[in-house]
mmCIF file of all heavy atoms, coordinates in Angstrom:
data_MODEL
# 
_entry.id   MODEL 
# 
loop_
_atom_site.group_PDB 
_atom_site.id 
_atom_site.type_symbol 
_atom_site.label_atom_id 
_atom_site.label_alt_id 
_atom_site.label_comp_id 
_atom_site.label_asym_id 
_atom_site.label_entity_id 
_atom_site.label_seq_id 
_atom_site.pdbx_PDB_ins_code 
_atom_site.Cartn_x 
_atom_site.Cartn_y 
_atom_site.Cartn_z 
_atom_site.occupancy 
_atom_site.B_iso_or_equiv 
_atom_site.pdbx_formal_charge 
_atom_site.auth_seq_id 
_atom_site.auth_comp_id 
_atom_site.auth_asym_id 
_atom_site.auth_atom_id 
_atom_site.pdbx_PDB_model_num 
ATOM 1   N N   . ILE A 1 1  ? -37.033 -56.161 58.813 1.00 0.00 ? 1  ILE A N   1 
ATOM 2   C CA  . ILE A 1 1  ? -38.370 -55.638 58.541 1.00 0.00 ? 1  ILE A CA  1 
ATOM 3   C C   . ILE A 1 1  ? -39.353 -55.958 59.656 1.00 0.00 ? 1  ILE A C   1 
ATOM 4   O O   . ILE A 1 1  ? -40.471 -55.463 59.659 1.00 0.00 ? 1  ILE A O   1 
ATOM 5   C CB  . ILE A 1 1  ? -38.922 -56.137 57.187 1.00 0.00 ? 1  ILE A CB  1 
ATOM 6   C CG1 . ILE A 1 1  ? -38.993 -57.657 57.144 1.00 0.00 ? 1  ILE A CG1 1 
ATOM 7   C CG2 . ILE A 1 1  ? -38.131 -55.574 56.049 1.00 0.00 ? 1  ILE A CG2 1 
ATOM 8   C CD1 . ILE A 1 1  ? -39.761 -58.207 55.945 1.00 0.00 ? 1  ILE A CD1 1 
ATOM 9   N N   . GLU A 1 2  ? -38.952 -56.818 60.597 1.00 0.00 ? 2  GLU A N   1 
ATOM 10  C CA  . GLU A 1 2  ? -39.824 -57.131 61.728 1.00 0.00 ? 2  GLU A CA  1 
ATOM 11  C C   . GLU A 1 2  ? -38.981 -57.405 62.967 1.00 0.00 ? 2  GLU A C   1 
ATOM 12  O O   . GLU A 1 2  ? -37.800 -57.723 62.857 1.00 0.00 ? 2  GLU A O   1 
ATOM 13  C CB  . GLU A 1 2  ? -40.738 -58.301 61.409 1.00 0.00 ? 2  GLU A CB  1 
ATOM 14  C CG  . GLU A 1 2  ? -40.022 -59.566 61.028 1.00 0.00 ? 2  GLU A CG  1 
ATOM 15  C CD  . GLU A 1 2  ? -40.978 -60.649 60.561 1.00 0.00 ? 2  GLU A CD  1 
ATOM 16  O OE1 . GLU A 1 2  ? -41.896 -60.364 59.788 1.00 0.00 ? 2  GLU A OE1 1 
ATOM 17  O OE2 . GLU A 1 2  ? -40.773 -61.798 60.982 1.00 0.00 ? 2  GLU A OE2 1 
ATOM 18  N N   . PRO A 1 3  ? -39.586 -57.280 64.148 1.00 0.00 ? 3  PRO A N   1 
ATOM 19  C CA  . PRO A 1 3  ? -38.834 -57.518 65.376 1.00 0.00 ? 3  PRO A CA  1 
ATOM 20  C C   . PRO A 1 3  ? -38.333 -58.957 65.467 1.00 0.00 ? 3  PRO A C   1 
ATOM 21  O O   . PRO A 1 3  ? -38.939 -59.873 64.912 1.00 0.00 ? 3  PRO A O   1 
ATOM 22  C CB  . PRO A 1 3  ? -39.866 -57.247 66.483 1.00 0.00 ? 3  PRO A CB  1 
ATOM 23  C CG  . PRO A 1 3  ? -41.003 -56.542 65.842 1.00 0.00 ? 3  PRO A CG  1 
ATOM 24  C CD  . PRO A 1 3  ? -40.978 -56.909 64.396 1.00 0.00 ? 3  PRO A CD  1 
ATOM 25  N N   . GLY A 1 4  ? -37.229 -59.127 66.160 1.00 0.00 ? 4  GLY A N   1 
ATOM 26  C CA  . GLY A 1 4  ? -36.681 -60.458 66.367 1.00 0.00 ? 4  GLY A CA  1 
ATOM 27  C C   . GLY A 1 4  ? -35.358 -60.364 67.096 1.00 0.00 ? 4  GLY A C   1 
ATOM 28  O O   . GLY A 1 4  ? -34.863 -59.267 67.370 1.00 0.00 ? 4  GLY A O   1 
ATOM 29  N N   . PRO A 1 5  ? -34.760 -61.505 67.387 1.00 0.00 ? 5  PRO A N   1 
ATOM 30  C CA  . PRO A 1 5  ? -33.463 -61.508 68.071 1.00 0.00 ? 5  PRO A CA  1 
ATOM 31  C C   . PRO A 1 5  ? -32.417 -60.748 67.252 1.00 0.00 ? 5  PRO A C   1 
ATOM 32  O O   . PRO A 1 5  ? -32.310 -60.930 66.046 1.00 0.00 ? 5  PRO A O   1 
ATOM 33  C CB  . PRO A 1 5  ? -33.109 -62.990 68.154 1.00 0.00 ? 5  PRO A CB  1 
ATOM 34  C CG  . PRO A 1 5  ? -34.397 -63.721 67.967 1.00 0.00 ? 5  PRO A CG  1 
ATOM 35  C CD  . PRO A 1 5  ? -35.255 -62.844 67.112 1.00 0.00 ? 5  PRO A CD  1 
ATOM 36  N N   . GLY A 1 6  ? -31.698 -59.865 67.900 1.00 0.00 ? 6  GLY A N   1 
ATOM 37  C CA  . GLY A 1 6  ? -30.643 -59.113 67.224 1.00 0.00 ? 6  GLY A CA  1 
ATOM 38  C C   . GLY A 1 6  ? -31.131 -57.929 66.414 1.00 0.00 ? 6  GLY A C   1 
ATOM 39  O O   . GLY A 1 6  ? -30.339 -57.262 65.767 1.00 0.00 ? 6  GLY A O   1 
ATOM 40  N N   . VAL A 1 7  ? -32.429 -57.663 66.417 1.00 0.00 ? 7  VAL A N   1 
ATOM 41  C CA  . VAL A 1 7  ? -32.982 -56.548 65.645 1.00 0.00 ? 7  VAL A CA  1 
ATOM 42  C C   . VAL A 1 7  ? -33.095 -55.325 66.556 1.00 0.00 ? 7  VAL A C   1 
ATOM 43  O O   . VAL A 1 7  ? -33.798 -55.343 67.556 1.00 0.00 ? 7  VAL A O   1 
ATOM 44  C CB  . VAL A 1 7  ? -34.363 -56.890 65.048 1.00 0.00 ? 7  VAL A CB  1 
ATOM 45  C CG1 . VAL A 1 7  ? -34.939 -55.695 64.305 1.00 0.00 ? 7  VAL A CG1 1 
ATOM 46  C CG2 . VAL A 1 7  ? -34.250 -58.091 64.122 1.00 0.00 ? 7  VAL A CG2 1 
ATOM 47  N N   . ASP A 1 8  ? -32.358 -54.289 66.186 1.00 0.00 ? 8  ASP A N   1 
ATOM 48  C CA  . ASP A 1 8  ? -32.386 -53.031 66.935 1.00 0.00 ? 8  ASP A CA  1 
ATOM 49  C C   . ASP A 1 8  ? -33.321 -52.010 66.309 1.00 0.00 ? 8  ASP A C   1 
ATOM 50  O O   . ASP A 1 8  ? -33.833 -51.130 66.986 1.00 0.00 ? 8  ASP A O   1 
ATOM 51  C CB  . ASP A 1 8  ? -30.976 -52.422 66.993 1.00 0.00 ? 8  ASP A CB  1 
ATOM 52  C CG  . ASP A 1 8  ? -29.974 -53.366 67.619 1.00 0.00 ? 8  ASP A CG  1 
ATOM 53  O OD1 . ASP A 1 8  ? -30.230 -53.823 68.749 1.00 0.00 ? 8  ASP A OD1 1 
ATOM 54  O OD2 . ASP A 1 8  ? -28.949 -53.651 66.975 1.00 0.00 ? 8  ASP A OD2 1 
ATOM 55  N N   . ARG A 1 9  ? -33.508 -52.109 64.993 1.00 0.00 ? 9  ARG A N   1 
ATOM 56  C CA  . ARG A 1 9  ? -34.295 -51.105 64.269 1.00 0.00 ? 9  ARG A CA  1 
ATOM 57  C C   . ARG A 1 9  ? -35.111 -51.807 63.195 1.00 0.00 ? 9  ARG A C   1 
ATOM 58  O O   . ARG A 1 9  ? -34.593 -52.636 62.456 1.00 0.00 ? 9  ARG A O   1 
ATOM 59  C CB  . ARG A 1 9  ? -33.339 -50.111 63.630 1.00 0.00 ? 9  ARG A CB  1 
ATOM 60  C CG  . ARG A 1 9  ? -33.946 -48.853 63.129 1.00 0.00 ? 9  ARG A CG  1 
ATOM 61  C CD  . ARG A 1 9  ? -34.166 -47.845 64.271 1.00 0.00 ? 9  ARG A CD  1 
ATOM 62  N NE  . ARG A 1 9  ? -34.089 -46.488 63.834 1.00 0.00 ? 9  ARG A NE  1 
ATOM 63  C CZ  . ARG A 1 9  ? -32.995 -45.769 63.680 1.00 0.00 ? 9  ARG A CZ  1 
ATOM 64  N NH1 . ARG A 1 9  ? -31.823 -46.278 63.918 1.00 0.00 ? 9  ARG A NH1 1 
ATOM 65  N NH2 . ARG A 1 9  ? -33.073 -44.529 63.302 1.00 0.00 ? 9  ARG A NH2 1 
ATOM 66  N N   . ILE A 1 10 ? -36.374 -51.441 63.087 1.00 0.00 ? 10 ILE A N   1 
ATOM 67  C CA  . ILE A 1 10 ? -37.257 -51.956 62.047 1.00 0.00 ? 10 ILE A CA  1 
ATOM 68  C C   . ILE A 1 10 ? -37.174 -51.000 60.863 1.00 0.00 ? 10 ILE A C   1 
ATOM 69  O O   . ILE A 1 10 ? -37.402 -49.798 61.006 1.00 0.00 ? 10 ILE A O   1 
ATOM 70  C CB  . ILE A 1 10 ? -38.726 -52.042 62.543 1.00 0.00 ? 10 ILE A CB  1 
ATOM 71  C CG1 . ILE A 1 10 ? -38.826 -52.830 63.835 1.00 0.00 ? 10 ILE A CG1 1 
ATOM 72  C CG2 . ILE A 1 10 ? -39.624 -52.618 61.450 1.00 0.00 ? 10 ILE A CG2 1 
ATOM 73  C CD1 . ILE A 1 10 ? -38.363 -54.247 63.753 1.00 0.00 ? 10 ILE A CD1 1 
ATOM 74  N N   . CYS A 1 11 ? -36.819 -51.548 59.692 1.00 0.00 ? 11 CYS A N   1 
ATOM 75  C CA  . CYS A 1 11 ? -36.692 -50.717 58.494 1.00 0.00 ? 11 CYS A CA  1 
ATOM 76  C C   . CYS A 1 11 ? -36.688 -51.611 57.270 1.00 0.00 ? 11 CYS A C   1 
ATOM 77  O O   . CYS A 1 11 ? -36.016 -52.639 57.237 1.00 0.00 ? 11 CYS A O   1 
ATOM 78  C CB  . CYS A 1 11 ? -35.400 -49.908 58.560 1.00 0.00 ? 11 CYS A CB  1 
ATOM 79  S SG  . CYS A 1 11 ? -35.140 -48.803 57.151 1.00 0.00 ? 11 CYS A SG  1 
ATOM 80  N N   . ASN A 1 12 ? -37.416 -51.210 56.259 1.00 0.00 ? 12 ASN A N   1 
ATOM 81  C CA  . ASN A 1 12 ? -37.403 -51.909 54.987 1.00 0.00 ? 12 ASN A CA  1 
ATOM 82  C C   . ASN A 1 12 ? -36.115 -51.566 54.243 1.00 0.00 ? 12 ASN A C   1 
ATOM 83  O O   . ASN A 1 12 ? -35.659 -50.426 54.289 1.00 0.00 ? 12 ASN A O   1 
ATOM 84  C CB  . ASN A 1 12 ? -38.632 -51.471 54.174 1.00 0.00 ? 12 ASN A CB  1 
ATOM 85  C CG  . ASN A 1 12 ? -38.806 -52.245 52.910 1.00 0.00 ? 12 ASN A CG  1 
ATOM 86  O OD1 . ASN A 1 12 ? -37.922 -52.282 52.061 1.00 0.00 ? 12 ASN A OD1 1 
ATOM 87  N ND2 . ASN A 1 12 ? -39.958 -52.865 52.776 1.00 0.00 ? 12 ASN A ND2 1 
ATOM 88  N N   . VAL A 1 13 ? -35.532 -52.527 53.548 1.00 0.00 ? 13 VAL A N   1 
ATOM 89  C CA  . VAL A 1 13 ? -34.271 -52.304 52.836 1.00 0.00 ? 13 VAL A CA  1 
ATOM 90  C C   . VAL A 1 13 ? -34.387 -51.185 51.804 1.00 0.00 ? 13 VAL A C   1 
ATOM 91  O O   . VAL A 1 13 ? -33.417 -50.493 51.525 1.00 0.00 ? 13 VAL A O   1 
ATOM 92  C CB  . VAL A 1 13 ? -33.756 -53.621 52.209 1.00 0.00 ? 13 VAL A CB  1 
ATOM 93  C CG1 . VAL A 1 13 ? -34.642 -54.062 51.055 1.00 0.00 ? 13 VAL A CG1 1 
ATOM 94  C CG2 . VAL A 1 13 ? -32.311 -53.514 51.771 1.00 0.00 ? 13 VAL A CG2 1 
ATOM 95  N N   . ASP A 1 14 ? -35.580 -50.963 51.269 1.00 0.00 ? 14 ASP A N   1 
ATOM 96  C CA  . ASP A 1 14 ? -35.790 -49.876 50.312 1.00 0.00 ? 14 ASP A CA  1 
ATOM 97  C C   . ASP A 1 14 ? -35.726 -48.497 50.963 1.00 0.00 ? 14 ASP A C   1 
ATOM 98  O O   . ASP A 1 14 ? -35.662 -47.488 50.268 1.00 0.00 ? 14 ASP A O   1 
ATOM 99  C CB  . ASP A 1 14 ? -37.150 -50.017 49.622 1.00 0.00 ? 14 ASP A CB  1 
ATOM 100 C CG  . ASP A 1 14 ? -37.221 -51.234 48.724 1.00 0.00 ? 14 ASP A CG  1 
ATOM 101 O OD1 . ASP A 1 14 ? -36.228 -51.523 48.046 1.00 0.00 ? 14 ASP A OD1 1 
ATOM 102 O OD2 . ASP A 1 14 ? -38.277 -51.892 48.706 1.00 0.00 ? 14 ASP A OD2 1 
ATOM 103 N N   . SER A 1 15 ? -35.755 -48.458 52.290 1.00 0.00 ? 15 SER A N   1 
ATOM 104 C CA  . SER A 1 15 ? -35.776 -47.185 53.015 1.00 0.00 ? 15 SER A CA  1 
ATOM 105 C C   . SER A 1 15 ? -34.488 -46.898 53.779 1.00 0.00 ? 15 SER A C   1 
ATOM 106 O O   . SER A 1 15 ? -34.431 -45.952 54.561 1.00 0.00 ? 15 SER A O   1 
ATOM 107 C CB  . SER A 1 15 ? -36.945 -47.185 54.003 1.00 0.00 ? 15 SER A CB  1 
ATOM 108 O OG  . SER A 1 15 ? -38.156 -47.400 53.334 1.00 0.00 ? 15 SER A OG  1 
ATOM 109 N N   . LEU A 1 16 ? -33.459 -47.705 53.587 1.00 0.00 ? 16 LEU A N   1 
ATOM 110 C CA  . LEU A 1 16 ? -32.221 -47.537 54.357 1.00 0.00 ? 16 LEU A CA  1 
ATOM 111 C C   . LEU A 1 16 ? -31.616 -46.146 54.202 1.00 0.00 ? 16 LEU A C   1 
ATOM 112 O O   . LEU A 1 16 ? -31.226 -45.526 55.194 1.00 0.00 ? 16 LEU A O   1 
ATOM 113 C CB  . LEU A 1 16 ? -31.184 -48.591 53.948 1.00 0.00 ? 16 LEU A CB  1 
ATOM 114 C CG  . LEU A 1 16 ? -31.476 -50.024 54.343 1.00 0.00 ? 16 LEU A CG  1 
ATOM 115 C CD1 . LEU A 1 16 ? -30.455 -50.963 53.712 1.00 0.00 ? 16 LEU A CD1 1 
ATOM 116 C CD2 . LEU A 1 16 ? -31.498 -50.178 55.859 1.00 0.00 ? 16 LEU A CD2 1 
ATOM 117 N N   . LEU A 1 17 ? -31.524 -45.666 52.980 1.00 0.00 ? 17 LEU A N   1 
ATOM 118 C CA  . LEU A 1 17 ? -30.917 -44.357 52.741 1.00 0.00 ? 17 LEU A CA  1 
ATOM 119 C C   . LEU A 1 17 ? -31.734 -43.248 53.412 1.00 0.00 ? 17 LEU A C   1 
ATOM 120 O O   . LEU A 1 17 ? -31.180 -42.379 54.079 1.00 0.00 ? 17 LEU A O   1 
ATOM 121 C CB  . LEU A 1 17 ? -30.760 -44.093 51.247 1.00 0.00 ? 17 LEU A CB  1 
ATOM 122 C CG  . LEU A 1 17 ? -30.078 -42.794 50.862 1.00 0.00 ? 17 LEU A CG  1 
ATOM 123 C CD1 . LEU A 1 17 ? -28.675 -42.699 51.437 1.00 0.00 ? 17 LEU A CD1 1 
ATOM 124 C CD2 . LEU A 1 17 ? -30.035 -42.663 49.333 1.00 0.00 ? 17 LEU A CD2 1 
ATOM 125 N N   . ALA A 1 18 ? -33.041 -43.292 53.262 1.00 0.00 ? 18 ALA A N   1 
ATOM 126 C CA  . ALA A 1 18 ? -33.902 -42.285 53.887 1.00 0.00 ? 18 ALA A CA  1 
ATOM 127 C C   . ALA A 1 18 ? -33.821 -42.365 55.414 1.00 0.00 ? 18 ALA A C   1 
ATOM 128 O O   . ALA A 1 18 ? -33.832 -41.339 56.096 1.00 0.00 ? 18 ALA A O   1 
ATOM 129 C CB  . ALA A 1 18 ? -35.344 -42.463 53.422 1.00 0.00 ? 18 ALA A CB  1 
ATOM 130 N N   . GLU A 1 19 ? -33.721 -43.557 55.939 1.00 0.00 ? 19 GLU A N   1 
ATOM 131 C CA  . GLU A 1 19 ? -33.704 -43.756 57.393 1.00 0.00 ? 19 GLU A CA  1 
ATOM 132 C C   . GLU A 1 19 ? -32.375 -43.351 58.033 1.00 0.00 ? 19 GLU A C   1 
ATOM 133 O O   . GLU A 1 19 ? -32.345 -42.745 59.095 1.00 0.00 ? 19 GLU A O   1 
ATOM 134 C CB  . GLU A 1 19 ? -33.990 -45.234 57.711 1.00 0.00 ? 19 GLU A CB  1 
ATOM 135 C CG  . GLU A 1 19 ? -34.042 -45.571 59.171 1.00 0.00 ? 19 GLU A CG  1 
ATOM 136 C CD  . GLU A 1 19 ? -35.326 -45.145 59.856 1.00 0.00 ? 19 GLU A CD  1 
ATOM 137 O OE1 . GLU A 1 19 ? -36.333 -44.890 59.174 1.00 0.00 ? 19 GLU A OE1 1 
ATOM 138 O OE2 . GLU A 1 19 ? -35.311 -45.066 61.101 1.00 0.00 ? 19 GLU A OE2 1 
ATOM 139 N N   . PHE A 1 20 ? -31.256 -43.696 57.381 1.00 0.00 ? 20 PHE A N   1 
ATOM 140 C CA  . PHE A 1 20 ? -29.946 -43.521 58.023 1.00 0.00 ? 20 PHE A CA  1 
ATOM 141 C C   . PHE A 1 20 ? -29.062 -42.458 57.380 1.00 0.00 ? 20 PHE A C   1 
ATOM 142 O O   . PHE A 1 20 ? -28.130 -41.973 58.002 1.00 0.00 ? 20 PHE A O   1 
ATOM 143 C CB  . PHE A 1 20 ? -29.194 -44.855 58.052 1.00 0.00 ? 20 PHE A CB  1 
ATOM 144 C CG  . PHE A 1 20 ? -29.917 -45.910 58.819 1.00 0.00 ? 20 PHE A CG  1 
ATOM 145 C CD1 . PHE A 1 20 ? -30.533 -46.966 58.166 1.00 0.00 ? 20 PHE A CD1 1 
ATOM 146 C CD2 . PHE A 1 20 ? -30.016 -45.842 60.197 1.00 0.00 ? 20 PHE A CD2 1 
ATOM 147 C CE1 . PHE A 1 20 ? -31.207 -47.939 58.874 1.00 0.00 ? 20 PHE A CE1 1 
ATOM 148 C CE2 . PHE A 1 20 ? -30.691 -46.805 60.915 1.00 0.00 ? 20 PHE A CE2 1 
ATOM 149 C CZ  . PHE A 1 20 ? -31.293 -47.859 60.249 1.00 0.00 ? 20 PHE A CZ  1 
ATOM 150 N N   . GLY A 1 21 ? -29.302 -42.126 56.120 1.00 0.00 ? 21 GLY A N   1 
ATOM 151 C CA  . GLY A 1 21 ? -28.473 -41.150 55.424 1.00 0.00 ? 21 GLY A CA  1 
ATOM 152 C C   . GLY A 1 21 ? -27.325 -41.817 54.685 1.00 0.00 ? 21 GLY A C   1 
ATOM 153 O O   . GLY A 1 21 ? -26.994 -42.980 54.905 1.00 0.00 ? 21 GLY A O   1 
ATOM 154 N N   . ALA A 1 22 ? -26.695 -41.053 53.814 1.00 0.00 ? 22 ALA A N   1 
ATOM 155 C CA  . ALA A 1 22 ? -25.624 -41.566 52.956 1.00 0.00 ? 22 ALA A CA  1 
ATOM 156 C C   . ALA A 1 22 ? -24.332 -41.760 53.750 1.00 0.00 ? 22 ALA A C   1 
ATOM 157 O O   . ALA A 1 22 ? -24.018 -40.975 54.651 1.00 0.00 ? 22 ALA A O   1 
ATOM 158 C CB  . ALA A 1 22 ? -25.378 -40.616 51.791 1.00 0.00 ? 22 ALA A CB  1 
ATOM 159 N N   . GLU A 1 23 ? -23.628 -42.815 53.384 1.00 0.00 ? 23 GLU A N   1 
ATOM 160 C CA  . GLU A 1 23 ? -22.259 -43.070 53.851 1.00 0.00 ? 23 GLU A CA  1 
ATOM 161 C C   . GLU A 1 23 ? -22.142 -43.095 55.373 1.00 0.00 ? 23 GLU A C   1 
ATOM 162 O O   . GLU A 1 23 ? -21.209 -42.544 55.951 1.00 0.00 ? 23 GLU A O   1 
ATOM 163 C CB  . GLU A 1 23 ? -21.308 -42.055 53.227 1.00 0.00 ? 23 GLU A CB  1 
ATOM 164 C CG  . GLU A 1 23 ? -21.339 -42.098 51.721 1.00 0.00 ? 23 GLU A CG  1 
ATOM 165 C CD  . GLU A 1 23 ? -20.409 -41.118 51.035 1.00 0.00 ? 23 GLU A CD  1 
ATOM 166 O OE1 . GLU A 1 23 ? -19.890 -40.197 51.704 1.00 0.00 ? 23 GLU A OE1 1 
ATOM 167 O OE2 . GLU A 1 23 ? -20.183 -41.292 49.823 1.00 0.00 ? 23 GLU A OE2 1 
ATOM 168 N N   . LYS A 1 24 ? -23.053 -43.779 56.052 1.00 0.00 ? 24 LYS A N   1 
ATOM 169 C CA  . LYS A 1 24 ? -23.091 -43.806 57.517 1.00 0.00 ? 24 LYS A CA  1 
ATOM 170 C C   . LYS A 1 24 ? -22.464 -45.058 58.132 1.00 0.00 ? 24 LYS A C   1 
ATOM 171 O O   . LYS A 1 24 ? -22.185 -45.079 59.324 1.00 0.00 ? 24 LYS A O   1 
ATOM 172 C CB  . LYS A 1 24 ? -24.536 -43.702 58.015 1.00 0.00 ? 24 LYS A CB  1 
ATOM 173 C CG  . LYS A 1 24 ? -25.205 -42.412 57.649 1.00 0.00 ? 24 LYS A CG  1 
ATOM 174 C CD  . LYS A 1 24 ? -24.560 -41.238 58.344 1.00 0.00 ? 24 LYS A CD  1 
ATOM 175 C CE  . LYS A 1 24 ? -25.325 -39.970 58.023 1.00 0.00 ? 24 LYS A CE  1 
ATOM 176 N NZ  . LYS A 1 24 ? -24.730 -38.790 58.546 1.00 0.00 ? 24 LYS A NZ  1 
ATOM 177 N N   . PHE A 1 25 ? -22.241 -46.109 57.343 1.00 0.00 ? 25 PHE A N   1 
ATOM 178 C CA  . PHE A 1 25 ? -21.784 -47.374 57.908 1.00 0.00 ? 25 PHE A CA  1 
ATOM 179 C C   . PHE A 1 25 ? -20.476 -47.831 57.268 1.00 0.00 ? 25 PHE A C   1 
ATOM 180 O O   . PHE A 1 25 ? -20.298 -47.725 56.059 1.00 0.00 ? 25 PHE A O   1 
ATOM 181 C CB  . PHE A 1 25 ? -22.854 -48.455 57.726 1.00 0.00 ? 25 PHE A CB  1 
ATOM 182 C CG  . PHE A 1 25 ? -24.123 -48.143 58.469 1.00 0.00 ? 25 PHE A CG  1 
ATOM 183 C CD1 . PHE A 1 25 ? -25.174 -47.483 57.850 1.00 0.00 ? 25 PHE A CD1 1 
ATOM 184 C CD2 . PHE A 1 25 ? -24.263 -48.494 59.805 1.00 0.00 ? 25 PHE A CD2 1 
ATOM 185 C CE1 . PHE A 1 25 ? -26.341 -47.189 58.537 1.00 0.00 ? 25 PHE A CE1 1 
ATOM 186 C CE2 . PHE A 1 25 ? -25.424 -48.200 60.506 1.00 0.00 ? 25 PHE A CE2 1 
ATOM 187 C CZ  . PHE A 1 25 ? -26.462 -47.546 59.871 1.00 0.00 ? 25 PHE A CZ  1 
ATOM 188 N N   . ASP A 1 26 ? -19.595 -48.352 58.089 1.00 0.00 ? 26 ASP A N   1 
ATOM 189 C CA  . ASP A 1 26 ? -18.322 -48.890 57.599 1.00 0.00 ? 26 ASP A CA  1 
ATOM 190 C C   . ASP A 1 26 ? -18.456 -50.312 57.077 1.00 0.00 ? 26 ASP A C   1 
ATOM 191 O O   . ASP A 1 26 ? -17.591 -50.793 56.346 1.00 0.00 ? 26 ASP A O   1 
ATOM 192 C CB  . ASP A 1 26 ? -17.276 -48.899 58.730 1.00 0.00 ? 26 ASP A CB  1 
ATOM 193 C CG  . ASP A 1 26 ? -16.935 -47.497 59.180 1.00 0.00 ? 26 ASP A CG  1 
ATOM 194 O OD1 . ASP A 1 26 ? -16.856 -46.600 58.325 1.00 0.00 ? 26 ASP A OD1 1 
ATOM 195 O OD2 . ASP A 1 26 ? -16.750 -47.306 60.398 1.00 0.00 ? 26 ASP A OD2 1 
# 
């Protein structure tokens, strides 16, 4: 949810589906 080491993308966990789409990660 905020910048930091190892953070590539800022996103709230409630918005993961809207941000990345369904079934995108293994």
